[in-house]
Protein backbone atom coordinates (compact mmCIF):
# COMPACT_ATOMS: atom_id res chain seq x y z
CA MET A 1 34.73 65.59 132.37
CA THR A 2 32.48 66.53 135.41
CA GLN A 3 34.01 69.93 135.40
CA THR A 4 33.41 70.62 131.84
CA ALA A 5 30.15 69.58 131.81
CA THR A 6 28.81 71.65 134.73
CA PHE A 7 30.44 74.80 133.14
CA LEU A 8 29.01 74.25 129.81
CA GLY A 9 25.59 73.81 131.87
CA LEU A 10 25.22 70.30 131.18
CA LYS A 11 24.47 67.11 132.97
CA SER A 12 27.71 65.24 134.04
CA PRO A 13 27.64 62.27 132.09
CA VAL A 14 27.27 58.96 133.86
CA ALA A 15 30.61 56.82 134.63
CA TYR A 16 31.22 53.71 132.49
CA LYS A 17 31.94 51.41 135.27
CA TRP A 18 28.00 52.39 137.14
CA ARG A 19 26.33 52.45 133.41
CA ASN A 20 24.29 49.78 134.29
CA LEU A 21 22.88 51.33 137.94
CA ARG A 22 22.00 54.60 135.78
CA LYS A 23 20.27 53.73 132.64
CA GLN A 24 18.12 56.81 132.86
CA LYS A 25 21.09 59.25 132.31
CA TRP A 26 22.58 57.90 129.37
CA ASN A 27 21.14 60.47 127.32
CA TYR A 28 23.51 62.85 128.84
CA GLY A 29 26.39 61.17 127.78
CA MET A 30 29.19 58.55 128.97
CA ASN A 31 32.56 58.98 131.02
CA PHE A 32 35.07 56.20 130.38
CA ALA A 33 37.92 58.06 131.85
CA TYR A 34 40.19 56.50 134.73
CA GLY A 35 42.15 59.08 137.10
CA GLY A 36 45.63 57.99 136.81
CA SER A 37 45.60 56.61 133.09
CA GLY A 38 47.30 57.46 130.14
CA VAL A 39 47.48 56.22 125.94
CA PHE A 40 49.95 53.87 127.59
CA ASN A 41 49.78 51.42 130.56
CA THR A 42 50.81 53.83 133.67
CA PHE A 43 50.33 51.49 136.67
CA GLY A 44 50.64 48.16 135.33
CA ASP A 45 47.37 46.49 134.34
CA LEU A 46 45.53 48.23 136.83
CA LEU A 47 44.05 51.13 134.79
CA PRO A 48 42.51 50.69 131.32
CA ASN A 49 44.73 53.09 129.18
CA MET A 50 42.93 54.83 126.56
CA SER A 51 42.80 52.37 124.08
CA THR A 52 40.85 50.28 126.26
CA GLN A 53 38.76 53.32 127.34
CA ILE A 54 37.69 53.35 123.71
CA ASP A 55 37.16 49.76 123.25
CA PHE A 56 34.56 49.97 125.95
CA PHE A 57 32.93 53.03 123.74
CA GLU A 58 33.06 50.72 121.09
CA LYS A 59 31.23 48.09 122.86
CA LEU A 60 28.43 50.57 123.39
CA ILE A 61 27.85 51.34 119.79
CA ASN A 62 27.89 47.92 118.50
CA ASP A 63 25.15 47.16 121.37
CA SER A 64 23.22 49.82 119.78
CA VAL A 65 23.67 52.35 123.16
CA TYR A 66 24.40 55.03 121.17
CA THR A 67 23.71 55.32 117.29
CA LYS A 68 25.92 56.87 114.22
CA TRP A 69 23.06 59.65 114.67
CA ASP A 70 23.70 60.28 118.40
CA LEU A 71 27.53 60.62 117.82
CA GLN A 72 26.89 62.69 114.85
CA SER A 73 25.12 65.34 116.88
CA SER A 74 27.89 65.06 120.07
CA ALA A 75 30.96 66.07 120.92
CA VAL A 76 33.71 63.81 122.34
CA LEU A 77 36.21 64.78 124.81
CA VAL A 78 39.41 63.31 124.87
CA SER A 79 41.61 64.27 127.49
CA LEU A 80 45.55 63.44 128.56
CA ALA A 81 46.55 64.76 131.38
CA GLY A 82 50.24 63.70 131.34
CA ASN A 83 50.19 60.59 133.76
CA ASP A 84 52.03 58.46 130.76
CA TYR A 85 55.28 61.34 131.59
CA ALA A 86 55.02 60.73 135.12
CA ALA A 87 54.94 57.21 134.77
CA TYR A 88 57.65 56.96 132.29
CA LEU A 89 59.84 59.20 134.80
CA ALA A 90 59.16 57.00 138.02
CA ASN A 91 60.26 53.90 135.69
CA GLY A 92 63.20 55.10 135.32
CA GLY A 93 63.13 57.04 132.17
CA SER A 94 65.71 59.99 131.72
CA PHE A 95 64.84 63.53 130.99
CA GLN A 96 67.10 63.17 128.06
CA GLY A 97 65.14 60.50 126.60
CA LEU A 98 61.44 62.29 127.30
CA THR A 99 61.33 64.17 123.83
CA SER A 100 61.58 60.92 121.99
CA PHE A 101 58.78 59.32 124.53
CA MET A 102 56.80 62.38 123.49
CA SER A 103 56.61 61.58 119.97
CA LYS A 104 55.32 58.05 121.02
CA VAL A 105 52.75 59.31 123.22
CA ILE A 106 51.36 61.71 120.22
CA ASP A 107 51.29 59.04 117.93
CA GLN A 108 49.57 56.87 119.64
CA LEU A 109 47.16 59.48 120.66
CA ALA A 110 46.44 60.64 117.05
CA VAL A 111 45.79 56.72 116.18
CA ASN A 112 43.33 57.09 119.10
CA LEU A 113 41.50 60.17 117.50
CA LYS A 114 41.52 58.39 114.13
CA ARG A 115 39.62 55.70 115.64
CA VAL A 116 37.20 57.75 117.63
CA HIS A 117 36.71 59.30 114.28
CA GLY A 118 36.05 56.15 112.58
CA LEU A 119 33.53 55.04 115.23
CA GLY A 120 31.24 57.83 113.94
CA ALA A 121 32.30 60.99 115.63
CA ARG A 122 32.39 64.28 113.82
CA LYS A 123 33.00 66.60 116.67
CA ILE A 124 36.40 65.88 118.61
CA VAL A 125 37.66 67.96 121.31
CA VAL A 126 41.23 67.08 122.78
CA THR A 127 43.00 69.23 125.78
CA SER A 128 46.56 70.45 125.57
CA LEU A 129 48.89 69.70 128.30
CA GLN A 130 48.43 71.97 131.46
CA PRO A 131 51.37 73.46 132.33
CA LEU A 132 53.15 70.65 135.05
CA GLY A 133 55.83 72.80 136.00
CA CYS A 134 53.07 74.71 137.83
CA LEU A 135 51.50 72.11 139.92
CA PRO A 136 52.66 72.06 143.64
CA ARG A 137 54.33 68.68 143.25
CA SER A 138 56.87 70.78 141.53
CA THR A 139 56.57 74.03 142.93
CA ARG A 140 57.01 72.83 146.69
CA MET A 141 60.47 72.71 146.56
CA LEU A 142 60.38 76.31 145.07
CA SER A 143 58.43 77.09 148.24
CA PHE A 144 55.67 77.47 145.97
CA GLN A 145 56.47 80.79 144.78
CA LYS A 146 57.23 80.06 141.02
CA CYS A 147 57.01 77.29 138.30
CA ASN A 148 59.28 74.84 137.18
CA GLU A 149 60.31 76.24 133.59
CA THR A 150 62.48 73.02 132.63
CA GLU A 151 59.19 71.16 133.17
CA ASN A 152 56.98 73.56 131.18
CA ILE A 153 59.81 74.01 128.24
CA ALA A 154 58.62 69.97 127.99
CA VAL A 155 54.72 70.78 127.87
CA ASN A 156 55.21 73.43 125.31
CA TYR A 157 56.88 70.61 123.11
CA HIS A 158 54.21 68.00 123.80
CA ASN A 159 51.56 70.72 122.88
CA LEU A 160 53.48 71.68 119.81
CA LEU A 161 53.38 67.92 118.57
CA LEU A 162 49.63 67.84 119.59
CA GLN A 163 48.95 70.75 117.30
CA GLN A 164 50.99 69.46 114.29
CA ALA A 165 49.06 66.02 114.75
CA VAL A 166 45.76 67.45 114.88
CA VAL A 167 46.38 69.35 111.72
CA LYS A 168 47.30 66.39 109.73
CA LEU A 169 44.23 64.89 111.33
CA ASN A 170 42.12 67.75 110.31
CA ASN A 171 43.62 67.80 106.73
CA GLU A 172 43.32 63.73 106.48
CA THR A 173 39.80 63.52 107.53
CA ARG A 174 36.49 64.20 106.33
CA ASN A 175 33.29 65.52 107.78
CA CYS A 176 34.93 65.95 111.32
CA ALA A 177 36.56 68.74 112.94
CA ILE A 178 39.01 68.24 116.07
CA PHE A 179 39.28 70.97 118.25
CA ILE A 180 42.34 71.82 120.98
CA VAL A 181 41.04 73.36 124.04
CA ASP A 182 44.50 75.01 125.51
CA LEU A 183 44.52 74.57 129.05
CA TYR A 184 48.03 75.48 128.88
CA SER A 185 47.23 78.95 128.56
CA SER A 186 43.97 79.09 130.65
CA PHE A 187 46.32 77.74 133.69
CA THR A 188 48.73 80.10 133.22
CA SER A 189 46.61 82.88 132.71
CA VAL A 190 44.84 82.41 136.13
CA ILE A 191 47.87 81.71 137.77
CA GLN A 192 49.52 84.79 136.62
CA HIS A 193 46.91 87.09 137.36
CA LYS A 194 46.15 85.18 140.26
CA ARG A 195 42.02 85.44 139.67
CA ASP A 196 39.94 84.42 137.13
CA TYR A 197 39.62 86.63 133.84
CA LEU A 198 36.39 88.52 135.31
CA GLY A 199 37.79 88.84 138.65
CA ASN A 200 35.61 87.35 140.58
CA MET A 201 37.79 84.96 141.75
CA LYS A 202 40.98 85.54 143.56
CA PHE A 203 43.82 83.68 144.36
CA LYS A 204 46.41 84.89 146.70
CA THR A 205 48.71 82.02 146.43
CA PRO A 206 47.63 80.22 143.43
CA LEU A 207 50.80 77.81 143.56
CA LYS A 208 50.24 76.69 146.78
CA PRO A 209 47.42 74.12 147.32
CA CYS A 210 44.54 73.93 150.16
CA CYS A 211 45.51 70.35 151.21
CA MET A 212 48.88 69.26 151.91
CA GLY A 213 51.08 66.55 153.92
CA LYS A 214 52.71 68.06 156.93
CA ASN A 215 55.81 67.22 155.35
CA ASP A 216 57.51 65.77 152.41
CA GLY A 217 56.77 62.09 153.31
CA TYR A 218 52.80 62.64 153.35
CA LEU A 219 50.44 63.84 150.68
CA CYS A 220 47.06 64.99 151.13
CA GLY A 221 44.78 62.78 153.03
CA SER A 222 47.87 60.69 154.66
CA VAL A 223 47.60 58.89 157.74
CA ASP A 224 50.10 57.38 160.18
CA ASP A 225 50.03 54.15 161.53
CA LYS A 226 47.50 55.14 164.20
CA GLY A 227 45.12 56.63 161.43
CA ALA A 228 45.93 60.39 162.54
CA LYS A 229 45.59 62.78 159.96
CA MET A 230 48.86 64.17 158.43
CA TYR A 231 47.70 66.38 156.32
CA THR A 232 46.67 69.86 156.50
CA VAL A 233 43.68 71.75 155.02
CA CYS A 234 43.06 75.42 154.27
CA ASN A 235 40.07 77.65 155.84
CA ASP A 236 38.80 78.47 152.59
CA PRO A 237 39.08 75.95 150.06
CA THR A 238 37.41 78.76 147.69
CA SER A 239 40.31 80.64 147.99
CA ALA A 240 42.57 78.41 146.59
CA TYR A 241 43.65 77.46 143.03
CA PHE A 242 45.14 74.12 143.96
CA TRP A 243 43.46 71.51 145.75
CA ASP A 244 46.37 69.31 146.28
CA ASN A 245 49.59 68.61 144.57
CA ALA A 246 48.25 68.34 141.38
CA HIS A 247 44.46 68.79 140.90
CA PRO A 248 42.55 72.39 140.85
CA THR A 249 40.02 73.14 143.48
CA GLN A 250 36.31 73.47 142.31
CA ALA A 251 36.81 77.24 142.31
CA GLY A 252 40.34 76.74 140.45
CA TRP A 253 38.72 74.66 137.56
CA HIS A 254 35.67 77.19 137.32
CA ALA A 255 38.40 79.90 136.76
CA VAL A 256 40.07 77.68 134.17
CA PHE A 257 36.36 76.91 132.36
CA ALA A 258 35.83 80.93 132.71
CA THR A 259 38.97 81.73 130.47
CA LEU A 260 37.65 78.84 127.77
CA LYS A 261 34.03 80.17 127.24
CA SER A 262 34.77 81.83 124.07
CA SER A 263 36.45 78.95 122.73
CA PHE A 264 33.72 76.34 123.83
CA ASP A 265 31.34 78.76 122.19
CA HIS A 266 33.12 78.78 118.86
CA ILE A 267 33.28 74.56 119.18
CA PHE A 268 29.77 74.15 120.05
CA LYS A 269 28.77 76.65 117.17
CA TYR A 270 31.09 74.98 114.73
């Protein structure tokens, strides 16, 4: 959310958790996202899932923090990053059963999108899933030299289901447009070309993260029992596409959104 706002030249929306401390910034919008969450519960009840996040959104509307007119002149960004699938596999789900679970994820996402529309949103932007097989947590075993194509095939199936669901929703809803922002293609473009589309930012080894554990038992930010750092950080984070095993650096995100500029231009002119 922050990267999207910054790239578009907007102020970063206020985090819902801190809304009462920053009332003067409510006109910049509100960020209901929780890192690690999904459409279903991903870490038990520790994180509010997307349905609960929409509950928070609905409460603000009911409390007249935002009006129907505010929503009609705004865009709602809905992002699903794949945490449902990570939780599914971590909880013993089989790879063979993943496609069936994907259908459930997309069905619930469609319910959520329809609900957001019902609350008054007239322009909804939903992200496709990025190539999870290219994240460092998947490419580490491949010496950060190539993506895990098996994972990416699964991601493409998710994105196909998403596209079909959005087409159906757009046909069913009135006075509303739902757009897909193609993160898969933008991630892939930067990784394959090792630069942003203008060539201003270059990533020599795009699959290798800047911050990583010293061995397989540690992650970026890990410390041992004595508090000693068990991770390394590259000298120049701006030269790295990924920061850790899953998240791009600021430079990486800028490269991603640079490839999406024409898409956003189309969305906001619609």
